[in-house]
Amino acid sequence: MSLRFGYLTPRQRKYWGLRRSGATQAEISRKMGVVRQTVNKTFNAIDSSVSKALLEAAQINRIEISQVDPEKGFLLGRSPSLGMDTLVTFSERNGIQVWYRCEGGCSECSWRRSCKQKLLIEAADRGIPLPKGAEEMEPSKLADILFETIMERQL
């Protein structure tokens, strides 16, 4: 297993995806063919693994942590060395991703296309509405929307 997928097995990632899509424990129990107690235990194991992965990503990137939510798959913090707010996300399709809140500079970056694709996936997986023409936006603007929406949902 790797940090990229939060130390989750493929089966645990399936449970994660079902929970993120809004399925109840009873619905997941039926779909996965297990009792609800198994679903509950699996969620406890998933939350522990996702938390560990988010915290490890923060440590690797020297991020000062302000908030962690393993159930929703994110960590908010700040990179003192870069002087930037930081968001670490976990999702079924993207795995662990680290986002820095910065202004522009995306047009010269070799990661531009990859970042944009991952940000669009992240927004879709989290049910974050994007403005018309979002596919043409710079990744830094998409990241701003992701940061703002996740922070607003925590209030």
Protein backbone atom coordinates (compact mmCIF):
# COMPACT_ATOMS: atom_id res chain seq x y z
CA MET A 1 0.00 0.00 0.00
CA SER A 2 1.14 3.54 -0.60
CA LEU A 3 0.68 7.03 0.76
CA ARG A 4 -1.00 7.99 -2.53
CA PHE A 5 -4.19 6.12 -1.65
CA GLY A 6 -4.10 6.77 2.07
CA TYR A 7 -3.04 3.22 2.88
CA LEU A 8 -6.47 1.96 1.84
CA THR A 9 -7.09 -1.36 0.18
CA PRO A 10 -9.13 -1.38 -3.04
CA ARG A 11 -12.13 -2.65 -1.03
CA GLN A 12 -11.77 0.13 1.53
CA ARG A 13 -11.58 2.68 -1.32
CA LYS A 14 -14.92 1.29 -2.56
CA TYR A 15 -16.47 1.85 0.90
CA TRP A 16 -14.92 5.35 0.94
CA GLY A 17 -16.45 6.18 -2.42
CA LEU A 18 -19.88 4.93 -1.37
CA ARG A 19 -19.80 7.01 1.81
CA ARG A 20 -18.62 10.09 -0.11
CA SER A 21 -21.49 9.65 -2.57
CA GLY A 22 -23.93 9.93 0.35
CA ALA A 23 -24.85 6.27 0.82
CA THR A 24 -25.98 5.32 4.33
CA GLN A 25 -24.36 2.52 6.31
CA ALA A 26 -27.46 0.39 5.69
CA GLU A 27 -27.22 0.97 1.93
CA ILE A 28 -23.51 0.19 1.93
CA SER A 29 -24.17 -2.93 3.99
CA ARG A 30 -26.65 -4.19 1.40
CA LYS A 31 -24.49 -3.24 -1.56
CA MET A 32 -21.34 -4.83 -0.13
CA GLY A 33 -23.17 -7.88 1.25
CA VAL A 34 -22.02 -7.41 4.84
CA VAL A 35 -23.62 -6.58 8.18
CA ARG A 36 -23.76 -2.94 9.34
CA GLN A 37 -21.25 -3.66 12.11
CA THR A 38 -18.70 -4.57 9.41
CA VAL A 39 -19.39 -1.27 7.64
CA ASN A 40 -18.89 0.64 10.89
CA LYS A 41 -15.61 -1.16 11.66
CA THR A 42 -14.44 -0.58 8.10
CA PHE A 43 -15.18 3.15 8.39
CA ASN A 44 -13.20 3.32 11.63
CA ALA A 45 -10.23 1.65 9.90
CA ILE A 46 -10.60 3.93 6.85
CA ASP A 47 -10.72 7.09 8.97
CA SER A 48 -7.62 5.99 10.86
CA SER A 49 -5.72 5.26 7.63
CA VAL A 50 -6.81 8.46 5.89
CA SER A 51 -5.90 10.50 8.97
CA LYS A 52 -2.48 8.86 9.07
CA ALA A 53 -1.91 9.58 5.36
CA LEU A 54 -3.04 13.21 5.65
CA LEU A 55 -0.80 13.78 8.67
CA GLU A 56 2.15 12.08 6.96
CA ALA A 57 1.68 14.24 3.84
CA ALA A 58 1.64 17.32 6.09
CA GLN A 59 4.81 16.19 7.84
CA ILE A 60 6.61 15.43 4.57
CA ASN A 61 5.67 18.88 3.23
CA ARG A 62 6.40 20.66 6.53
CA ILE A 63 2.85 21.93 6.92
CA GLU A 64 1.62 23.43 10.18
CA ILE A 65 -1.79 21.83 10.70
CA SER A 66 -4.87 23.82 11.64
CA GLN A 67 -7.63 21.27 10.93
CA VAL A 68 -7.95 17.61 9.93
CA ASP A 69 -11.14 15.85 8.84
CA PRO A 70 -10.43 12.25 7.82
CA GLU A 71 -14.10 11.49 7.13
CA LYS A 72 -14.23 14.27 4.53
CA GLY A 73 -10.66 13.61 3.46
CA PHE A 74 -8.88 16.90 3.98
CA LEU A 75 -6.31 18.72 6.07
CA LEU A 76 -5.96 22.50 6.24
CA GLY A 77 -2.69 24.10 7.20
CA ARG A 78 0.08 26.49 6.31
CA SER A 79 3.53 26.09 4.86
CA PRO A 80 5.71 28.49 6.87
CA SER A 81 8.66 28.06 4.51
CA LEU A 82 6.55 29.03 1.48
CA GLY A 83 4.27 31.42 3.36
CA MET A 84 1.19 29.80 1.81
CA ASP A 85 -2.03 28.25 3.03
CA THR A 86 -2.10 24.56 2.23
CA LEU A 87 -4.81 22.01 1.60
CA VAL A 88 -4.12 18.28 1.61
CA THR A 89 -6.92 16.22 0.11
CA PHE A 90 -7.72 12.55 -0.12
CA SER A 91 -10.17 11.25 -2.71
CA GLU A 92 -10.92 7.88 -4.26
CA ARG A 93 -9.73 8.94 -7.71
CA ASN A 94 -6.90 11.36 -6.88
CA GLY A 95 -5.51 9.76 -3.75
CA ILE A 96 -3.47 12.17 -1.62
CA GLN A 97 -2.85 15.60 -3.16
CA VAL A 98 -1.18 18.68 -1.67
CA TRP A 99 -2.40 22.09 -2.85
CA TYR A 100 -0.73 25.42 -2.12
CA ARG A 101 -2.72 28.62 -2.25
CA CYS A 102 -0.77 30.92 -4.52
CA GLU A 103 -1.45 33.46 -7.19
CA GLY A 104 -0.90 32.60 -10.82
CA GLY A 105 2.27 31.26 -12.33
CA CYS A 106 0.38 28.26 -13.66
CA SER A 107 0.84 29.10 -17.34
CA GLU A 108 4.60 28.40 -17.14
CA CYS A 109 4.30 25.26 -14.99
CA SER A 110 4.83 21.81 -16.48
CA TRP A 111 2.20 20.41 -14.05
CA ARG A 112 -0.53 22.81 -15.28
CA ARG A 113 -2.61 20.28 -17.21
CA SER A 114 -2.31 17.58 -14.53
CA CYS A 115 -3.23 20.01 -11.72
CA LYS A 116 -6.24 21.29 -13.63
CA GLN A 117 -7.48 17.75 -14.29
CA LYS A 118 -7.03 16.72 -10.65
CA LEU A 119 -8.74 19.89 -9.38
CA LEU A 120 -11.73 19.32 -11.68
CA ILE A 121 -11.98 15.72 -10.41
CA GLU A 122 -11.65 16.89 -6.79
CA ALA A 123 -14.45 19.43 -7.23
CA ALA A 124 -16.71 16.84 -8.89
CA ASP A 125 -16.01 14.20 -6.22
CA ARG A 126 -16.79 16.71 -3.45
CA GLY A 127 -19.90 18.12 -5.12
CA ILE A 128 -18.35 21.57 -5.41
CA PRO A 129 -20.13 23.62 -8.07
CA LEU A 130 -17.82 25.34 -10.51
CA PRO A 131 -18.63 28.38 -12.63
CA LYS A 132 -19.30 28.06 -16.34
CA GLY A 133 -16.03 27.75 -18.24
CA ALA A 134 -14.16 26.23 -15.30
CA GLU A 135 -12.33 23.89 -17.69
CA GLU A 136 -10.56 26.98 -19.08
CA MET A 137 -9.64 28.47 -15.69
CA GLU A 138 -6.10 28.50 -14.38
CA PRO A 139 -5.42 25.79 -11.77
CA SER A 140 -4.70 28.46 -9.13
CA LYS A 141 -8.25 29.83 -9.57
CA LEU A 142 -9.74 26.33 -9.36
CA ALA A 143 -7.69 25.70 -6.21
CA ASP A 144 -9.07 28.94 -4.72
CA ILE A 145 -12.62 27.65 -5.25
CA LEU A 146 -11.68 24.33 -3.62
CA PHE A 147 -10.06 26.09 -0.63
CA GLU A 148 -12.96 28.50 -0.13
CA THR A 149 -15.67 25.86 -0.43
CA ILE A 150 -14.00 23.41 1.95
CA MET A 151 -13.36 26.18 4.49
CA GLU A 152 -16.96 27.49 4.21
CA ARG A 153 -18.38 24.01 4.76
CA GLN A 154 -16.46 23.78 8.03
CA LEU A 155 -18.11 26.86 9.55
